[in-house]
Amino acid sequence: MSEAALSLDGIVRTFAQAGSDLHVLRGAAVDIAPGETVALVGPSGAGKSTLLHIAGLLERPDGGEVRIGGEACSGLSDDRRTALRRTAIGFIYQFHHLLPEFTALENVVVPQMIGGKSKADARKRASELLDMVGLAERESHRPAKLSGGEQQRVAIARALANAPKVLIADEPTGNLDQETAERVFELLMHLTRETGVSSLVATHNPELAARMDRILTLKNGRLEAF
């Protein structure tokens, strides 16, 4: 059996709130196989975003371990965690967070150059990715000249730019109308399966969740199979 692309083992996260402790995560655990797509569901306030931040190495847990491609991450230095975020993890959010002064192509080039790739190689891959998401003719446009669905497709291309092992997505279609959300979701699933990246996707849309390989519910601080 191949090693998990992403492994969460007994993740604990507690926040101090009004003089008491708020136990958001109480031993959340999951192994996600290479190429597997997993939906994360649960009510607002259940801790889905906190779990995604920990899985994406944006926060450290109070207990438990995060492994990316088998590498234990909780005890790593900030520099090593940053390097892993750049090269092994891709992020997609509800809002695209594109750099407004840059073109679509440049938005996909930037993370690659930060990761050490040459400008020529980064531009070549960016162009290929934008072609894959159906935006070859829009690569010179800045975000303000793109529709909401087009901006989110650029965000998907950017997330895949450094060929990550794991894709972390937080309500990636939440700001889109139903028809556009459907098209963007189909594209996301197609690309993740084509590239072999594993994905953990938080969504409130049960129809979209049902089309992924697995559904996990965050309930009482733990992950349960749907």
Foldseek 3Di string as FASTA:
>chain_A
DAAFQKWWFQFWAWDDDPNDIDTLAGTATDGHHFLAEEEEEEDPPSCPVVVLCCQLLVDATPDTFMDGSRRTDNPDDPVVSVLCSLAAEFEAEQQLPFDQVAFLLVSLLVSVVVNPDDSVVSSVLSLVQCVLLPNNVRRRPGPVPDDRLSSLSSSLSSRCSNPHQEYEYEASCVVDPPVSSVSSLVSNSVVSNVSRHYYYYYHPDVVSNVPGPFYWYRDPNYTDGD
